[in-house]
N, C-alpha and C. Protein backbone atom coordinates (compact mmCIF):
# COMPACT_ATOMS: atom_id res chain seq x y z
N MET A 1 -9.75 53.69 70.68
CA MET A 1 -8.77 54.33 69.82
C MET A 1 -8.47 55.72 70.39
N SER A 2 -7.19 56.05 70.50
CA SER A 2 -6.82 57.35 71.03
C SER A 2 -6.90 58.42 69.94
N GLU A 3 -7.18 59.63 70.39
CA GLU A 3 -7.26 60.73 69.44
C GLU A 3 -5.88 61.31 69.20
N MET A 4 -5.62 61.66 67.96
CA MET A 4 -4.38 62.34 67.60
C MET A 4 -4.65 63.84 67.69
N SER A 5 -3.82 64.55 68.40
CA SER A 5 -4.02 66.00 68.48
C SER A 5 -2.92 66.71 67.71
N TYR A 6 -3.30 67.76 67.02
CA TYR A 6 -2.35 68.54 66.25
C TYR A 6 -1.68 69.54 67.19
N VAL A 7 -0.37 69.59 67.14
CA VAL A 7 0.37 70.55 67.94
C VAL A 7 0.69 71.74 67.04
N TYR A 8 0.15 72.89 67.40
CA TYR A 8 0.37 74.09 66.61
C TYR A 8 1.79 74.59 66.82
N PRO A 9 2.44 75.03 65.76
CA PRO A 9 3.80 75.55 65.91
C PRO A 9 3.79 76.79 66.79
N ASP A 10 4.79 76.91 67.61
CA ASP A 10 4.94 78.07 68.48
C ASP A 10 5.66 79.15 67.67
N ARG A 11 4.91 80.13 67.18
CA ARG A 11 5.46 81.19 66.32
C ARG A 11 6.52 82.01 67.04
N PHE A 12 6.32 82.25 68.33
CA PHE A 12 7.29 83.01 69.11
C PHE A 12 8.62 82.26 69.18
N LEU A 13 8.55 80.96 69.45
CA LEU A 13 9.76 80.14 69.52
C LEU A 13 10.46 80.09 68.16
N GLU A 14 9.71 79.95 67.10
CA GLU A 14 10.31 79.92 65.76
C GLU A 14 11.00 81.24 65.44
N GLU A 15 10.37 82.36 65.81
CA GLU A 15 10.99 83.66 65.58
C GLU A 15 12.27 83.80 66.40
N MET A 16 12.25 83.31 67.64
CA MET A 16 13.46 83.35 68.47
C MET A 16 14.60 82.56 67.82
N LYS A 17 14.28 81.40 67.26
CA LYS A 17 15.31 80.57 66.62
C LYS A 17 15.92 81.28 65.42
N ILE A 18 15.08 81.90 64.59
CA ILE A 18 15.58 82.61 63.41
C ILE A 18 16.44 83.79 63.83
N ASN A 19 15.96 84.57 64.80
CA ASN A 19 16.73 85.72 65.28
C ASN A 19 18.07 85.28 65.86
N SER A 20 18.08 84.21 66.62
CA SER A 20 19.32 83.72 67.21
C SER A 20 20.30 83.29 66.12
N ALA A 21 19.78 82.62 65.10
CA ALA A 21 20.66 82.17 64.01
C ALA A 21 21.26 83.35 63.26
N MET A 22 20.45 84.32 62.92
CA MET A 22 20.93 85.44 62.12
C MET A 22 21.75 86.44 62.94
N ARG A 23 21.38 86.67 64.18
CA ARG A 23 22.06 87.66 65.01
C ARG A 23 23.28 87.07 65.73
N ASP A 24 23.08 85.89 66.34
CA ASP A 24 24.11 85.30 67.19
C ASP A 24 24.87 84.15 66.53
N ARG A 25 24.45 83.77 65.32
CA ARG A 25 25.06 82.64 64.60
C ARG A 25 24.93 81.35 65.40
N ARG A 26 23.78 81.21 66.07
CA ARG A 26 23.50 80.06 66.93
C ARG A 26 22.21 79.41 66.42
N ILE A 27 22.34 78.17 65.94
CA ILE A 27 21.20 77.43 65.39
C ILE A 27 20.75 76.41 66.42
N PHE A 28 19.47 76.48 66.80
CA PHE A 28 18.92 75.55 67.78
C PHE A 28 18.20 74.40 67.08
N ILE A 29 18.54 73.18 67.47
CA ILE A 29 17.81 72.00 67.01
C ILE A 29 17.18 71.40 68.26
N SER A 30 15.90 71.71 68.45
CA SER A 30 15.21 71.29 69.67
C SER A 30 14.00 70.42 69.35
N GLU A 31 14.07 69.76 68.23
CA GLU A 31 12.96 68.91 67.82
C GLU A 31 13.52 67.62 67.22
N GLU A 32 12.61 66.79 66.75
CA GLU A 32 13.03 65.54 66.12
C GLU A 32 13.85 65.84 64.87
N VAL A 33 14.86 65.01 64.65
CA VAL A 33 15.64 65.11 63.42
C VAL A 33 14.77 64.51 62.31
N ASP A 34 14.23 65.38 61.48
CA ASP A 34 13.40 64.92 60.37
C ASP A 34 13.64 65.83 59.17
N ARG A 35 12.90 65.63 58.12
CA ARG A 35 13.10 66.39 56.88
C ARG A 35 12.98 67.89 57.13
N GLU A 36 11.94 68.30 57.83
CA GLU A 36 11.68 69.72 58.03
C GLU A 36 12.75 70.37 58.92
N SER A 37 13.08 69.75 60.05
CA SER A 37 14.04 70.37 60.96
C SER A 37 15.43 70.44 60.35
N MET A 38 15.82 69.43 59.57
CA MET A 38 17.14 69.46 58.95
C MET A 38 17.17 70.42 57.77
N PHE A 39 16.04 70.55 57.05
CA PHE A 39 15.96 71.55 55.99
C PHE A 39 16.16 72.94 56.58
N LYS A 40 15.49 73.22 57.72
CA LYS A 40 15.64 74.52 58.37
C LYS A 40 17.09 74.76 58.78
N ALA A 41 17.71 73.76 59.40
CA ALA A 41 19.10 73.92 59.86
C ALA A 41 20.04 74.16 58.68
N CYS A 42 19.87 73.37 57.60
CA CYS A 42 20.72 73.55 56.42
C CYS A 42 20.48 74.91 55.77
N TYR A 43 19.22 75.34 55.73
CA TYR A 43 18.89 76.64 55.17
C TYR A 43 19.57 77.75 55.96
N LEU A 44 19.50 77.68 57.28
CA LEU A 44 20.13 78.71 58.11
C LEU A 44 21.64 78.72 57.94
N LEU A 45 22.25 77.54 57.82
CA LEU A 45 23.69 77.48 57.55
C LEU A 45 24.01 78.14 56.21
N ASP A 46 23.21 77.85 55.19
CA ASP A 46 23.43 78.46 53.87
C ASP A 46 23.29 79.98 53.94
N ARG A 47 22.32 80.49 54.71
CA ARG A 47 22.14 81.94 54.86
C ARG A 47 23.37 82.57 55.51
N LEU A 48 23.91 81.90 56.54
CA LEU A 48 25.09 82.45 57.21
C LEU A 48 26.30 82.45 56.28
N VAL A 49 26.45 81.40 55.48
CA VAL A 49 27.54 81.36 54.51
C VAL A 49 27.38 82.48 53.49
N TYR A 50 26.16 82.71 53.03
CA TYR A 50 25.89 83.79 52.08
C TYR A 50 26.27 85.15 52.68
N ILE A 51 25.88 85.38 53.94
CA ILE A 51 26.22 86.64 54.61
C ILE A 51 27.74 86.78 54.71
N ASP A 52 28.41 85.69 55.06
CA ASP A 52 29.87 85.73 55.18
C ASP A 52 30.53 86.05 53.84
N LYS A 53 30.00 85.50 52.75
CA LYS A 53 30.57 85.80 51.43
C LYS A 53 30.44 87.28 51.11
N GLN A 54 29.31 87.87 51.49
CA GLN A 54 29.10 89.30 51.26
C GLN A 54 30.09 90.13 52.08
N GLU A 55 30.41 89.66 53.28
CA GLU A 55 31.30 90.40 54.18
C GLU A 55 32.75 89.97 54.06
N GLY A 56 33.02 88.90 53.32
CA GLY A 56 34.39 88.40 53.17
C GLY A 56 34.95 87.79 54.44
N THR A 57 34.09 87.13 55.23
CA THR A 57 34.52 86.52 56.48
C THR A 57 34.04 85.07 56.57
N LYS A 58 34.55 84.36 57.56
CA LYS A 58 34.05 83.02 57.91
C LYS A 58 34.04 82.94 59.43
N LYS A 59 32.95 83.39 60.02
CA LYS A 59 32.83 83.42 61.47
C LYS A 59 32.30 82.09 61.99
N ASP A 60 32.61 81.83 63.28
CA ASP A 60 32.13 80.61 63.93
C ASP A 60 30.61 80.52 63.89
N ILE A 61 30.11 79.29 63.86
CA ILE A 61 28.68 79.01 63.92
C ILE A 61 28.48 77.96 65.01
N GLU A 62 27.45 78.17 65.84
CA GLU A 62 27.15 77.20 66.89
C GLU A 62 25.84 76.50 66.60
N ILE A 63 25.83 75.18 66.78
CA ILE A 63 24.60 74.39 66.68
C ILE A 63 24.32 73.85 68.07
N VAL A 64 23.17 74.25 68.64
CA VAL A 64 22.79 73.86 69.99
C VAL A 64 21.76 72.74 69.90
N LEU A 65 22.07 71.62 70.55
CA LEU A 65 21.23 70.43 70.45
C LEU A 65 20.44 70.16 71.73
N ASP A 66 19.18 69.90 71.55
CA ASP A 66 18.26 69.40 72.56
C ASP A 66 17.35 68.41 71.82
N SER A 67 17.94 67.31 71.36
CA SER A 67 17.20 66.42 70.46
C SER A 67 17.37 64.96 70.87
N TYR A 68 16.24 64.24 70.81
CA TYR A 68 16.26 62.80 71.06
C TYR A 68 16.60 62.02 69.79
N GLY A 69 16.83 62.73 68.69
CA GLY A 69 17.22 62.06 67.45
C GLY A 69 16.08 62.00 66.46
N GLY A 70 16.17 61.04 65.57
CA GLY A 70 15.16 60.92 64.53
C GLY A 70 15.68 60.14 63.34
N HIS A 71 15.45 60.67 62.16
CA HIS A 71 15.70 59.96 60.92
C HIS A 71 17.16 60.08 60.46
N CYS A 72 17.75 58.95 60.15
CA CYS A 72 19.16 58.91 59.76
C CYS A 72 19.44 59.69 58.49
N TYR A 73 18.65 59.47 57.45
CA TYR A 73 18.93 60.13 56.17
C TYR A 73 18.97 61.64 56.32
N HIS A 74 18.00 62.19 57.04
CA HIS A 74 17.92 63.65 57.18
C HIS A 74 19.04 64.18 58.07
N GLY A 75 19.37 63.43 59.13
CA GLY A 75 20.50 63.82 59.97
C GLY A 75 21.81 63.80 59.21
N LEU A 76 21.98 62.80 58.35
CA LEU A 76 23.21 62.72 57.56
C LEU A 76 23.32 63.87 56.56
N ALA A 77 22.19 64.42 56.13
CA ALA A 77 22.24 65.58 55.23
C ALA A 77 22.88 66.77 55.95
N LEU A 78 22.45 67.02 57.19
CA LEU A 78 23.05 68.12 57.96
C LEU A 78 24.51 67.82 58.25
N ILE A 79 24.82 66.59 58.62
CA ILE A 79 26.21 66.21 58.91
C ILE A 79 27.09 66.43 57.68
N SER A 80 26.60 66.07 56.50
CA SER A 80 27.35 66.29 55.27
C SER A 80 27.66 67.76 55.07
N LYS A 81 26.66 68.61 55.31
CA LYS A 81 26.86 70.06 55.15
C LYS A 81 27.87 70.56 56.18
N MET A 82 27.78 70.09 57.43
CA MET A 82 28.71 70.51 58.47
C MET A 82 30.15 70.14 58.10
N ILE A 83 30.34 68.91 57.64
CA ILE A 83 31.69 68.44 57.28
C ILE A 83 32.23 69.25 56.11
N SER A 84 31.39 69.51 55.11
CA SER A 84 31.79 70.31 53.96
C SER A 84 32.20 71.71 54.40
N MET A 85 31.42 72.31 55.29
CA MET A 85 31.75 73.65 55.77
C MET A 85 33.06 73.64 56.55
N ARG A 86 33.27 72.61 57.36
CA ARG A 86 34.53 72.50 58.09
C ARG A 86 35.71 72.42 57.13
N GLU A 87 35.54 71.62 56.07
CA GLU A 87 36.60 71.48 55.07
C GLU A 87 36.87 72.80 54.34
N ASN A 88 35.89 73.70 54.35
CA ASN A 88 36.04 75.01 53.70
C ASN A 88 36.39 76.11 54.70
N GLY A 89 36.90 75.74 55.86
CA GLY A 89 37.43 76.72 56.80
C GLY A 89 36.51 77.21 57.89
N TYR A 90 35.31 76.66 58.00
CA TYR A 90 34.40 77.08 59.05
C TYR A 90 34.67 76.31 60.34
N ARG A 91 34.48 76.99 61.45
CA ARG A 91 34.53 76.36 62.77
C ARG A 91 33.09 76.25 63.25
N ILE A 92 32.62 75.01 63.40
CA ILE A 92 31.25 74.77 63.83
C ILE A 92 31.29 74.18 65.24
N ILE A 93 30.74 74.93 66.17
CA ILE A 93 30.70 74.50 67.57
C ILE A 93 29.37 73.78 67.78
N THR A 94 29.42 72.57 68.31
CA THR A 94 28.18 71.88 68.66
C THR A 94 28.09 71.82 70.18
N THR A 95 26.92 72.16 70.69
CA THR A 95 26.69 72.21 72.13
C THR A 95 25.45 71.40 72.46
N VAL A 96 25.56 70.51 73.44
CA VAL A 96 24.37 69.80 73.91
C VAL A 96 23.93 70.44 75.22
N ASN A 97 22.68 70.91 75.22
CA ASN A 97 22.11 71.50 76.43
C ASN A 97 21.57 70.41 77.34
N SER A 98 20.50 69.76 76.92
CA SER A 98 19.89 68.73 77.75
C SER A 98 20.18 67.34 77.21
N VAL A 99 19.82 67.07 75.95
CA VAL A 99 20.02 65.74 75.38
C VAL A 99 20.53 65.84 73.94
N ALA A 100 21.39 64.88 73.60
CA ALA A 100 21.81 64.66 72.22
C ALA A 100 21.84 63.14 72.06
N MET A 101 20.78 62.60 71.53
CA MET A 101 20.62 61.15 71.45
C MET A 101 20.42 60.72 70.01
N SER A 102 20.85 59.50 69.72
CA SER A 102 20.64 58.90 68.41
C SER A 102 21.24 59.81 67.33
N MET A 103 20.45 60.34 66.40
CA MET A 103 21.01 61.23 65.39
C MET A 103 21.45 62.56 65.99
N GLY A 104 20.89 62.95 67.11
CA GLY A 104 21.39 64.12 67.82
C GLY A 104 22.83 63.91 68.27
N PHE A 105 23.14 62.70 68.70
CA PHE A 105 24.51 62.30 69.06
C PHE A 105 25.43 62.44 67.85
N MET A 106 24.98 61.95 66.71
CA MET A 106 25.80 61.99 65.50
C MET A 106 26.08 63.44 65.08
N ILE A 107 25.08 64.30 65.16
CA ILE A 107 25.28 65.72 64.81
C ILE A 107 26.26 66.35 65.78
N LEU A 108 26.10 66.04 67.07
CA LEU A 108 27.00 66.59 68.09
C LEU A 108 28.45 66.30 67.78
N LEU A 109 28.76 65.06 67.49
CA LEU A 109 30.17 64.67 67.36
C LEU A 109 30.82 65.15 66.07
N CYS A 110 30.04 65.68 65.12
CA CYS A 110 30.63 66.16 63.86
C CYS A 110 30.97 67.64 63.88
N GLY A 111 30.87 68.28 65.03
CA GLY A 111 31.28 69.68 65.14
C GLY A 111 32.80 69.79 65.20
N SER A 112 33.31 70.97 64.90
CA SER A 112 34.76 71.24 65.01
C SER A 112 35.18 71.24 66.47
N PHE A 113 34.31 71.80 67.31
CA PHE A 113 34.52 71.84 68.76
C PHE A 113 33.19 71.47 69.40
N ARG A 114 33.20 70.45 70.26
CA ARG A 114 31.97 69.91 70.84
C ARG A 114 31.98 70.14 72.34
N GLN A 115 30.84 70.57 72.87
CA GLN A 115 30.75 70.81 74.31
C GLN A 115 29.39 70.41 74.83
N GLY A 116 29.34 70.14 76.14
CA GLY A 116 28.08 69.77 76.77
C GLY A 116 27.97 70.35 78.16
N LEU A 117 26.77 70.69 78.53
CA LEU A 117 26.54 71.13 79.89
C LEU A 117 26.78 69.97 80.84
N ARG A 118 27.09 70.29 82.08
CA ARG A 118 27.49 69.29 83.07
C ARG A 118 26.50 68.13 83.19
N HIS A 119 25.22 68.42 83.15
CA HIS A 119 24.22 67.38 83.34
C HIS A 119 23.52 66.98 82.03
N SER A 120 24.18 67.21 80.92
CA SER A 120 23.63 66.78 79.64
C SER A 120 23.64 65.26 79.56
N ARG A 121 22.67 64.72 78.84
CA ARG A 121 22.59 63.27 78.65
C ARG A 121 22.79 63.00 77.16
N ILE A 122 23.73 62.13 76.88
CA ILE A 122 24.12 61.82 75.50
C ILE A 122 23.94 60.32 75.30
N MET A 123 23.46 59.93 74.12
CA MET A 123 23.20 58.51 73.89
C MET A 123 23.52 58.10 72.46
N CYS A 124 24.22 56.99 72.34
CA CYS A 124 24.57 56.39 71.06
C CYS A 124 23.92 55.02 70.97
N HIS A 125 23.39 54.70 69.81
CA HIS A 125 22.88 53.35 69.57
C HIS A 125 22.86 53.07 68.07
N GLN A 126 22.62 51.83 67.75
CA GLN A 126 22.55 51.45 66.33
C GLN A 126 21.21 51.92 65.76
N PRO A 127 21.15 52.15 64.45
CA PRO A 127 19.89 52.62 63.86
C PRO A 127 18.83 51.53 63.86
N SER A 128 17.57 51.95 63.78
CA SER A 128 16.45 51.02 63.70
C SER A 128 16.15 50.72 62.24
N SER A 129 15.63 49.53 62.01
CA SER A 129 15.26 49.13 60.66
C SER A 129 13.75 49.07 60.55
N ALA A 130 13.23 49.60 59.48
CA ALA A 130 11.79 49.55 59.23
C ALA A 130 11.50 48.32 58.38
N THR A 131 11.48 47.16 59.04
CA THR A 131 11.29 45.92 58.29
C THR A 131 9.80 45.57 58.23
N TRP A 132 9.22 45.77 57.07
CA TRP A 132 7.84 45.40 56.80
C TRP A 132 7.75 44.98 55.35
N GLY A 133 6.62 44.48 54.99
CA GLY A 133 6.40 44.09 53.60
C GLY A 133 6.83 42.66 53.32
N THR A 134 7.19 42.40 52.07
CA THR A 134 7.59 41.06 51.66
C THR A 134 8.94 40.71 52.26
N LEU A 135 9.29 39.45 52.20
CA LEU A 135 10.58 39.00 52.72
C LEU A 135 11.71 39.75 52.03
N GLN A 136 11.62 39.89 50.70
CA GLN A 136 12.67 40.60 49.97
C GLN A 136 12.78 42.05 50.42
N GLU A 137 11.65 42.70 50.66
CA GLU A 137 11.67 44.08 51.14
C GLU A 137 12.31 44.17 52.52
N GLN A 138 12.04 43.18 53.36
CA GLN A 138 12.65 43.15 54.70
C GLN A 138 14.16 42.96 54.61
N ILE A 139 14.60 42.08 53.71
CA ILE A 139 16.04 41.85 53.52
C ILE A 139 16.72 43.13 53.05
N GLU A 140 16.09 43.81 52.07
CA GLU A 140 16.65 45.06 51.56
C GLU A 140 16.70 46.14 52.64
N SER A 141 15.68 46.19 53.49
CA SER A 141 15.65 47.16 54.57
C SER A 141 16.78 46.91 55.57
N VAL A 142 17.00 45.65 55.92
CA VAL A 142 18.08 45.30 56.84
C VAL A 142 19.44 45.62 56.22
N GLU A 143 19.61 45.33 54.93
CA GLU A 143 20.87 45.65 54.25
C GLU A 143 21.12 47.16 54.26
N GLU A 144 20.09 47.95 54.02
CA GLU A 144 20.23 49.41 54.03
C GLU A 144 20.56 49.90 55.43
N THR A 145 19.92 49.34 56.44
CA THR A 145 20.20 49.73 57.82
C THR A 145 21.63 49.40 58.20
N ASN A 146 22.12 48.25 57.76
CA ASN A 146 23.53 47.89 58.01
C ASN A 146 24.47 48.88 57.32
N ALA A 147 24.13 49.30 56.11
CA ALA A 147 24.97 50.27 55.40
C ALA A 147 25.00 51.60 56.14
N ILE A 148 23.85 52.03 56.66
CA ILE A 148 23.80 53.27 57.44
C ILE A 148 24.63 53.13 58.72
N TRP A 149 24.51 52.00 59.40
CA TRP A 149 25.27 51.76 60.63
C TRP A 149 26.77 51.75 60.34
N ASP A 150 27.16 51.17 59.22
CA ASP A 150 28.58 51.20 58.85
C ASP A 150 29.07 52.64 58.66
N ARG A 151 28.27 53.47 58.00
CA ARG A 151 28.63 54.87 57.79
C ARG A 151 28.71 55.61 59.13
N MET A 152 27.76 55.33 60.01
CA MET A 152 27.76 55.96 61.32
C MET A 152 28.99 55.52 62.13
N LYS A 153 29.35 54.25 62.05
CA LYS A 153 30.52 53.76 62.78
C LYS A 153 31.79 54.44 62.27
N GLU A 154 31.88 54.68 60.97
CA GLU A 154 33.03 55.40 60.41
C GLU A 154 33.15 56.79 61.03
N LEU A 155 32.03 57.49 61.10
CA LEU A 155 32.03 58.84 61.67
C LEU A 155 32.37 58.81 63.17
N ILE A 156 31.77 57.87 63.89
CA ILE A 156 32.00 57.79 65.34
C ILE A 156 33.47 57.51 65.64
N THR A 157 34.07 56.55 64.94
CA THR A 157 35.47 56.22 65.21
C THR A 157 36.42 57.30 64.70
N LYS A 158 36.00 58.06 63.70
CA LYS A 158 36.84 59.15 63.19
C LYS A 158 36.89 60.32 64.16
N TYR A 159 35.74 60.66 64.76
CA TYR A 159 35.64 61.87 65.56
C TYR A 159 35.70 61.64 67.08
N THR A 160 35.83 60.39 67.53
CA THR A 160 35.87 60.12 68.97
C THR A 160 36.95 59.09 69.27
N LYS A 161 37.07 58.72 70.55
CA LYS A 161 37.96 57.64 70.97
C LYS A 161 37.23 56.31 71.05
N ILE A 162 35.97 56.28 70.67
CA ILE A 162 35.17 55.05 70.69
C ILE A 162 35.69 54.12 69.59
N THR A 163 35.86 52.86 69.92
CA THR A 163 36.43 51.89 68.99
C THR A 163 35.34 51.11 68.25
N TYR A 164 35.74 50.47 67.16
CA TYR A 164 34.82 49.59 66.44
C TYR A 164 34.33 48.48 67.35
N GLU A 165 35.23 47.98 68.22
CA GLU A 165 34.86 46.90 69.13
C GLU A 165 33.74 47.33 70.08
N GLN A 166 33.84 48.54 70.59
CA GLN A 166 32.78 49.05 71.46
C GLN A 166 31.46 49.20 70.71
N LEU A 167 31.54 49.63 69.46
CA LEU A 167 30.32 49.78 68.65
C LEU A 167 29.73 48.42 68.29
N GLU A 168 30.57 47.43 68.07
CA GLU A 168 30.07 46.08 67.80
C GLU A 168 29.38 45.51 69.02
N ASP A 169 29.85 45.89 70.21
CA ASP A 169 29.20 45.45 71.44
C ASP A 169 27.78 46.00 71.51
N ILE A 170 27.60 47.26 71.09
CA ILE A 170 26.25 47.84 71.04
C ILE A 170 25.37 47.01 70.12
N THR A 171 25.93 46.63 68.96
CA THR A 171 25.17 45.87 67.97
C THR A 171 24.76 44.51 68.53
N LYS A 172 25.72 43.81 69.13
CA LYS A 172 25.44 42.45 69.61
C LYS A 172 24.48 42.44 70.79
N ARG A 173 24.66 43.38 71.70
CA ARG A 173 23.83 43.39 72.91
C ARG A 173 22.57 44.23 72.75
N LYS A 174 22.47 44.96 71.63
CA LYS A 174 21.27 45.75 71.30
C LYS A 174 20.91 46.72 72.43
N TYR A 175 21.86 47.53 72.83
CA TYR A 175 21.55 48.46 73.92
C TYR A 175 21.83 49.90 73.52
N ASP A 176 21.23 50.79 74.30
CA ASP A 176 21.47 52.22 74.15
C ASP A 176 22.58 52.60 75.11
N TRP A 177 23.61 53.28 74.62
CA TRP A 177 24.77 53.67 75.42
C TRP A 177 24.55 55.09 75.90
N PHE A 178 24.08 55.23 77.14
CA PHE A 178 23.85 56.53 77.75
C PHE A 178 25.12 56.99 78.45
N MET A 179 25.40 58.29 78.37
CA MET A 179 26.57 58.83 79.05
C MET A 179 26.28 60.26 79.51
N TRP A 180 26.90 60.62 80.63
CA TRP A 180 26.90 62.00 81.09
C TRP A 180 28.03 62.72 80.38
N SER A 181 28.07 64.02 80.51
CA SER A 181 29.10 64.81 79.82
C SER A 181 30.52 64.40 80.20
N GLU A 182 30.74 64.01 81.48
CA GLU A 182 32.08 63.62 81.91
C GLU A 182 32.57 62.38 81.15
N GLU A 183 31.70 61.38 81.00
CA GLU A 183 32.07 60.19 80.23
C GLU A 183 32.25 60.53 78.76
N ALA A 184 31.38 61.39 78.24
CA ALA A 184 31.50 61.81 76.84
C ALA A 184 32.85 62.50 76.61
N LEU A 185 33.29 63.29 77.59
CA LEU A 185 34.59 63.95 77.50
C LEU A 185 35.72 62.92 77.46
N GLU A 186 35.66 61.93 78.32
CA GLU A 186 36.68 60.87 78.35
C GLU A 186 36.73 60.10 77.04
N LEU A 187 35.57 59.91 76.41
CA LEU A 187 35.49 59.14 75.16
C LEU A 187 35.76 60.01 73.92
N GLY A 188 35.99 61.29 74.11
CA GLY A 188 36.26 62.16 72.97
C GLY A 188 35.02 62.52 72.19
N VAL A 189 33.84 62.30 72.76
CA VAL A 189 32.58 62.69 72.10
C VAL A 189 32.42 64.20 72.17
N ILE A 190 32.84 64.78 73.29
CA ILE A 190 32.88 66.23 73.44
C ILE A 190 34.29 66.64 73.82
N ASP A 191 34.58 67.92 73.64
CA ASP A 191 35.91 68.47 73.96
C ASP A 191 35.92 69.23 75.27
N LYS A 192 34.73 69.59 75.78
CA LYS A 192 34.69 70.40 76.99
C LYS A 192 33.35 70.24 77.68
N VAL A 193 33.39 70.20 79.04
CA VAL A 193 32.17 70.25 79.84
C VAL A 193 32.00 71.69 80.29
N ILE A 194 30.84 72.27 80.04
CA ILE A 194 30.60 73.68 80.40
C ILE A 194 29.55 73.81 81.48
């Protein structure tokens, strides 16, 4: 049996992230998309909106991604906040440094302006289903996963040039669609290669 080791949070890195968010309006997501990381991102967005209300402004906000993805529900919470902010006049720039995969991909494409470094790696795929338990529980899990995939397909086709047919191909062939920034630009996943 392998030992599980606890990874201590890097306090210096966390302080850098907070300072960057408050000073430069740049929020870094460099970890798994989960409850904690999305809570932090949403909290920082709320703080910036609060500051803007005090100053009577709505300045651009950048979300920088270096994420392999994670949990759909938590990623969709951040996406919901981003879309709401966009509808209220905010310009949210999403930038992929190294990777934006799975839910990182979904967060990337929901920015007002999306960009990626030349050698960034971006990946889209269908969500995974946690099918365990009784047969009925497995059926319900698959139904919920299909509902999430339908919602994700709506967002992907709304914000990119990717078609439903291309997304159905992912579903049928069960593959991960990897792309470099140049292909992402052609597909409308990003607006600029930097």
